[in-house]
C-alpha atoms as a PDB file:
ATOM      1  CA  MET A   1       2.022 -37.276 163.059  1.00  0.00           C
ATOM      2  CA  PRO A   2       1.470 -38.970 159.646  1.00  0.00           C
ATOM      3  CA  PRO A   3       2.252 -37.026 156.485  1.00  0.00           C
ATOM      4  CA  GLU A   4      -0.660 -35.249 154.798  1.00  0.00           C
ATOM      5  CA  ASP A   5      -0.111 -36.956 151.437  1.00  0.00           C
ATOM      6  CA  GLY A   6      -1.065 -40.402 152.753  1.00  0.00           C
ATOM      7  CA  LEU A   7       2.356 -41.989 152.234  1.00  0.00           C
ATOM      8  CA  ASN A   8       4.589 -42.615 155.172  1.00  0.00           C
ATOM      9  CA  ARG A   9       8.356 -42.656 154.842  1.00  0.00           C
ATOM     10  CA  SER A  10       8.684 -46.434 154.857  1.00  0.00           C
ATOM     11  CA  ALA A  11       6.225 -46.893 151.962  1.00  0.00           C
ATOM     12  CA  ARG A  12       8.114 -44.260 149.977  1.00  0.00           C
ATOM     13  CA  ALA A  13      11.436 -45.958 150.749  1.00  0.00           C
ATOM     14  CA  ILE A  14      10.037 -49.325 149.639  1.00  0.00           C
ATOM     15  CA  ARG A  15       8.858 -47.851 146.327  1.00  0.00           C
ATOM     16  CA  TYR A  16      12.208 -46.235 145.604  1.00  0.00           C
ATOM     17  CA  GLY A  17      13.993 -49.390 146.719  1.00  0.00           C
ATOM     18  CA  LEU A  18      11.959 -51.552 144.340  1.00  0.00           C
ATOM     19  CA  ALA A  19      12.680 -49.238 141.409  1.00  0.00           C
ATOM     20  CA  ILE A  20      16.402 -49.259 142.205  1.00  0.00           C
ATOM     21  CA  ALA A  21      16.307 -53.054 142.620  1.00  0.00           C
ATOM     22  CA  VAL A  22      14.852 -53.359 139.102  1.00  0.00           C
ATOM     23  CA  VAL A  23      17.797 -51.317 137.792  1.00  0.00           C
ATOM     24  CA  ILE A  24      20.286 -53.552 139.616  1.00  0.00           C
ATOM     25  CA  ILE A  25      18.565 -56.719 138.361  1.00  0.00           C
ATOM     26  CA  GLY A  26      18.783 -55.355 134.811  1.00  0.00           C
ATOM     27  CA  ILE A  27      22.506 -54.729 135.195  1.00  0.00           C
ATOM     28  CA  LEU A  28      23.024 -58.229 136.576  1.00  0.00           C
ATOM     29  CA  CYS A  29      21.046 -59.742 133.669  1.00  0.00           C
ATOM     30  CA  GLY A  30      23.296 -57.908 131.247  1.00  0.00           C
ATOM     31  CA  ALA A  31      26.379 -59.259 133.018  1.00  0.00           C
ATOM     32  CA  VAL A  32      25.156 -62.854 133.299  1.00  0.00           C
ATOM     33  CA  ILE A  33      23.329 -63.429 129.988  1.00  0.00           C
ATOM     34  CA  PRO A  34      25.816 -63.509 127.083  1.00  0.00           C
ATOM     35  CA  GLY A  35      25.461 -61.851 123.691  1.00  0.00           C
ATOM     36  CA  THR A  36      22.975 -59.365 122.373  1.00  0.00           C
ATOM     37  CA  THR A  37      20.148 -61.019 124.285  1.00  0.00           C
ATOM     38  CA  GLY A  38      21.744 -60.017 127.584  1.00  0.00           C
ATOM     39  CA  GLY A  39      22.353 -56.484 126.353  1.00  0.00           C
ATOM     40  CA  THR A  40      18.782 -56.135 125.155  1.00  0.00           C
ATOM     41  CA  ILE A  41      17.324 -57.453 128.398  1.00  0.00           C
ATOM     42  CA  CYS A  42      19.688 -55.209 130.367  1.00  0.00           C
ATOM     43  CA  THR A  43      18.652 -52.132 128.393  1.00  0.00           C
ATOM     44  CA  ALA A  44      14.937 -52.864 128.741  1.00  0.00           C
ATOM     45  CA  VAL A  45      14.950 -53.691 132.456  1.00  0.00           C
ATOM     46  CA  VAL A  46      17.286 -50.837 133.418  1.00  0.00           C
ATOM     47  CA  GLY A  47      15.136 -48.459 131.357  1.00  0.00           C
ATOM     48  CA  ILE A  48      11.984 -49.608 133.154  1.00  0.00           C
ATOM     49  CA  GLY A  49      13.660 -49.147 136.530  1.00  0.00           C
ATOM     50  CA  LEU A  50      14.933 -45.670 135.692  1.00  0.00           C
ATOM     51  CA  VAL A  51      11.517 -44.611 134.381  1.00  0.00           C
ATOM     52  CA  GLY A  52      10.100 -45.822 137.698  1.00  0.00           C
ATOM     53  CA  VAL A  53      12.584 -43.739 139.702  1.00  0.00           C
ATOM     54  CA  VAL A  54      11.925 -40.589 137.649  1.00  0.00           C
ATOM     55  CA  SER A  55       8.161 -41.153 137.904  1.00  0.00           C
ATOM     56  CA  LEU A  56       8.393 -41.416 141.683  1.00  0.00           C
ATOM     57  CA  VAL A  57      10.401 -38.187 141.843  1.00  0.00           C
ATOM     58  CA  PHE A  58       7.759 -36.326 139.813  1.00  0.00           C
ATOM     59  CA  TYR A  59       5.012 -37.888 141.952  1.00  0.00           C
ATOM     60  CA  ASP A  60       6.700 -36.615 145.128  1.00  0.00           C
ATOM     61  CA  VAL A  61       7.083 -33.134 143.628  1.00  0.00           C
ATOM     62  CA  GLY A  62       3.388 -33.109 142.722  1.00  0.00           C
ATOM     63  CA  LEU A  63       2.386 -34.169 146.227  1.00  0.00           C
ATOM     64  CA  THR A  64       4.545 -31.421 147.684  1.00  0.00           C
ATOM     65  CA  GLU A  65       2.922 -28.816 145.423  1.00  0.00           C
ATOM     66  CA  ASP A  66      -0.562 -30.053 146.327  1.00  0.00           C
ATOM     67  CA  ARG A  67       0.282 -29.926 150.028  1.00  0.00           C
ATOM     68  CA  ASP A  68       1.690 -26.387 149.702  1.00  0.00           C
ATOM     69  CA  ARG A  69      -1.357 -25.228 147.729  1.00  0.00           C
ATOM     70  CA  ASP A  70      -3.696 -26.697 150.346  1.00  0.00           C
ATOM     71  CA  ARG A  71      -1.698 -25.075 153.159  1.00  0.00           C
ATOM     72  CA  MET A  72      -1.904 -21.700 151.386  1.00  0.00           C
ATOM     73  CA  ARG A  73      -5.654 -22.115 150.849  1.00  0.00           C
ATOM     74  CA  ARG A  74      -6.217 -22.896 154.543  1.00  0.00           C
ATOM     75  CA  ARG A  75      -4.075 -19.925 155.605  1.00  0.00           C
ATOM     76  CA  LEU A  76      -6.035 -17.583 153.341  1.00  0.00           C
ATOM     77  CA  GLU A  77      -9.348 -18.962 154.619  1.00  0.00           C
ATOM     78  CA  ARG A  78      -8.253 -18.264 158.192  1.00  0.00           C
ATOM     79  CA  MET A  79      -7.461 -14.666 157.187  1.00  0.00           C
ATOM     80  CA  GLY A  80     -10.898 -14.332 155.582  1.00  0.00           C
ATOM     81  CA  GLU A  81      -9.679 -14.244 151.993  1.00  0.00           C
ATOM     82  CA  SER A  82     -10.092 -16.753 149.188  1.00  0.00           C
ATOM     83  CA  LEU A  83      -7.982 -17.809 146.242  1.00  0.00           C
ATOM     84  CA  PRO A  84      -8.960 -16.190 142.943  1.00  0.00           C
ATOM     85  CA  SER A  85     -10.519 -18.674 140.542  1.00  0.00           C
ATOM     86  CA  SER A  86      -9.097 -19.411 137.133  1.00  0.00           C
ATOM     87  CA  PRO A  87     -11.295 -19.266 133.997  1.00  0.00           C
ATOM     88  CA  ASN A  88     -11.926 -23.030 134.106  1.00  0.00           C
ATOM     89  CA  GLY A  89     -13.323 -22.851 137.650  1.00  0.00           C
ATOM     90  CA  SER A  90     -10.413 -24.458 139.492  1.00  0.00           C
ATOM     91  CA  PRO A  91      -8.533 -22.499 142.148  1.00  0.00           C
ATOM     92  CA  SER A  92      -5.802 -20.399 140.636  1.00  0.00           C
ATOM     93  CA  THR A  93      -2.217 -20.749 141.736  1.00  0.00           C
ATOM     94  CA  ALA A  94      -1.693 -17.018 141.228  1.00  0.00           C
ATOM     95  CA  ARG A  95      -0.703 -14.998 144.237  1.00  0.00           C
ATOM     96  CA  PRO A  96      -3.458 -12.947 145.865  1.00  0.00           C
ATOM     97  CA  HIS A  97      -3.490  -9.189 145.483  1.00  0.00           C
ATOM     98  CA  PRO A  98      -1.189  -7.337 147.877  1.00  0.00           C
ATOM     99  CA  PRO A  99      -2.818  -5.866 150.991  1.00  0.00           C
ATOM    100  CA  GLU A 100      -3.873  -2.231 150.969  1.00  0.00           C
ATOM    101  CA  GLY A 101      -1.022   0.187 151.443  1.00  0.00           C
ATOM    102  CA  ARG A 102       1.545  -2.009 149.707  1.00  0.00           C
ATOM    103  CA  GLU A 103       2.380  -1.445 146.088  1.00  0.00           C
ATOM    104  CA  ARG A 104       3.161  -4.051 143.492  1.00  0.00           C
ATOM    105  CA  PRO A 105       6.740  -4.060 142.233  1.00  0.00           C
ATOM    106  CA  PRO A 106       7.212  -2.164 138.962  1.00  0.00           C
ATOM    107  CA  ARG A 107       6.842  -4.147 135.741  1.00  0.00           C
ATOM    108  CA  PRO A 108      10.028  -4.855 133.820  1.00  0.00           C
ATOM    109  CA  ALA A 109      10.713  -2.743 130.746  1.00  0.00           C
ATOM    110  CA  ARG A 110      10.525  -5.824 128.538  1.00  0.00           C
ATOM    111  CA  LEU A 111       8.435  -8.942 129.101  1.00  0.00           C
ATOM    112  CA  ARG A 112       9.400 -12.465 128.127  1.00  0.00           C
ATOM    113  CA  GLY A 113       8.730 -13.108 124.447  1.00  0.00           C
ATOM    114  CA  HIS A 114       8.643  -9.435 123.462  1.00  0.00           C
ATOM    115  CA  ARG A 115      11.362  -7.835 121.408  1.00  0.00           C
ATOM    116  CA  ARG A 116      13.516  -5.113 122.818  1.00  0.00           C
ATOM    117  CA  ARG A 117      12.768  -1.630 121.534  1.00  0.00           C
ATOM    118  CA  LEU A 118      15.621   0.311 119.985  1.00  0.00           C
ATOM    119  CA  ARG A 119      15.460   3.985 120.930  1.00  0.00           C
END
Protein backbone atom coordinates (compact mmCIF):
# COMPACT_ATOMS: atom_id res chain seq x y z
CA MET A 1 0.00 0.00 0.00
CA PRO A 2 1.60 3.35 -1.02
CA PRO A 3 1.98 6.07 1.60
CA GLU A 4 -0.75 8.71 1.74
CA ASP A 5 1.66 11.63 1.32
CA GLY A 6 2.58 10.67 -2.25
CA LEU A 7 6.24 9.91 -1.53
CA ASN A 8 7.42 6.36 -1.36
CA ARG A 9 10.37 5.33 0.76
CA SER A 10 12.84 5.13 -2.11
CA ALA A 11 12.12 8.69 -3.29
CA ARG A 12 12.58 9.93 0.27
CA ALA A 13 15.85 8.00 0.60
CA ILE A 14 17.11 9.47 -2.69
CA ARG A 15 16.34 13.01 -1.51
CA TYR A 16 18.12 12.53 1.80
CA GLY A 17 20.99 10.80 0.02
CA LEU A 18 21.44 13.70 -2.39
CA ALA A 19 21.49 16.23 0.44
CA ILE A 20 24.06 14.17 2.34
CA ALA A 21 26.10 13.74 -0.86
CA VAL A 22 26.23 17.53 -1.23
CA VAL A 23 27.64 17.76 2.31
CA ILE A 24 30.28 15.13 1.53
CA ILE A 25 31.22 16.85 -1.74
CA GLY A 26 31.64 20.11 0.17
CA ILE A 27 33.96 18.45 2.67
CA LEU A 28 35.99 16.91 -0.14
CA CYS A 29 36.26 20.29 -1.90
CA GLY A 30 37.60 21.80 1.30
CA ALA A 31 40.18 19.02 1.58
CA VAL A 32 41.29 19.12 -2.06
CA ILE A 33 41.24 22.85 -2.90
CA PRO A 34 44.02 24.69 -1.02
CA GLY A 35 43.79 28.02 0.78
CA THR A 36 40.85 30.18 1.66
CA THR A 37 39.13 29.36 -1.62
CA GLY A 38 38.76 25.73 -0.56
CA GLY A 39 37.50 26.74 2.88
CA THR A 40 34.97 29.13 1.40
CA ILE A 41 33.68 26.59 -1.10
CA CYS A 42 33.56 23.95 1.65
CA THR A 43 31.55 26.23 3.94
CA ALA A 44 29.09 27.20 1.22
CA VAL A 45 28.48 23.71 -0.16
CA VAL A 46 28.27 22.04 3.26
CA GLY A 47 25.87 24.77 4.38
CA ILE A 48 23.64 24.19 1.35
CA GLY A 49 23.62 20.45 2.00
CA LEU A 50 22.78 20.85 5.69
CA VAL A 51 19.98 23.31 4.89
CA GLY A 52 18.64 20.68 2.49
CA VAL A 53 18.69 17.97 5.16
CA VAL A 54 16.95 20.19 7.74
CA SER A 55 14.38 21.27 5.14
CA LEU A 56 13.58 17.65 4.33
CA VAL A 57 13.14 16.85 8.02
CA PHE A 58 10.67 19.72 8.45
CA TYR A 59 8.88 18.66 5.25
CA ASP A 60 8.46 15.12 6.60
CA VAL A 61 7.14 16.46 9.92
CA GLY A 62 4.62 18.61 8.06
CA LEU A 63 3.45 15.67 5.97
CA THR A 64 3.02 13.60 9.11
CA GLU A 65 0.94 16.34 10.75
CA ASP A 66 -1.22 16.70 7.64
CA ARG A 67 -1.76 12.95 7.49
CA ASP A 68 -2.69 12.82 11.20
CA ARG A 69 -5.07 15.77 10.82
CA ASP A 70 -6.74 14.12 7.83
CA ARG A 71 -7.03 10.82 9.71
CA MET A 72 -8.65 12.62 12.66
CA ARG A 73 -11.06 14.44 10.35
CA ARG A 74 -12.12 11.17 8.69
CA ARG A 75 -12.58 9.48 12.07
CA LEU A 76 -14.76 12.33 13.31
CA GLU A 77 -16.82 12.28 10.11
CA ARG A 78 -17.47 8.57 10.59
CA MET A 79 -18.69 9.30 14.14
CA GLY A 80 -20.99 12.02 12.81
CA GLU A 81 -19.06 14.95 14.25
CA SER A 82 -17.06 17.67 12.53
CA LEU A 83 -13.98 19.66 13.42
CA PRO A 84 -14.68 23.12 14.82
CA SER A 85 -13.68 25.87 12.41
CA SER A 86 -11.16 28.54 13.27
CA PRO A 87 -11.97 32.25 12.77
CA ASN A 88 -10.26 32.29 9.35
CA GLY A 89 -12.47 29.48 8.04
CA SER A 90 -9.89 26.69 8.00
CA PRO A 91 -10.41 23.58 10.11
CA SER A 92 -9.15 24.07 13.62
CA THR A 93 -6.57 21.77 15.12
CA ALA A 94 -8.22 22.13 18.53
CA ARG A 95 -9.56 19.01 20.13
CA PRO A 96 -13.32 18.50 19.94
CA HIS A 97 -15.45 18.95 23.03
CA PRO A 98 -15.52 15.93 25.35
CA PRO A 99 -18.53 13.63 25.03
CA GLU A 100 -21.46 14.09 27.38
CA GLY A 101 -20.88 12.69 30.83
CA ARG A 102 -17.14 13.36 30.82
CA GLU A 103 -15.77 16.46 32.44
CA ARG A 104 -12.88 18.56 31.27
CA PRO A 105 -9.81 18.47 33.50
CA PRO A 106 -9.59 21.40 35.92
CA ARG A 107 -7.75 24.50 34.74
CA PRO A 108 -4.36 25.15 36.31
CA ALA A 109 -4.18 27.83 38.99
CA ARG A 110 -1.85 29.90 36.82
CA LEU A 111 -1.75 30.05 33.03
CA ARG A 112 1.33 30.55 30.91
CA GLY A 113 2.30 34.21 30.73
CA HIS A 114 0.37 35.24 33.84
CA ARG A 115 2.08 36.23 37.04
CA ARG A 116 1.68 34.20 40.17
CA ARG A 117 -0.55 35.74 42.81
CA LEU A 118 0.91 36.21 46.27
CA ARG A 119 -1.65 35.46 48.97
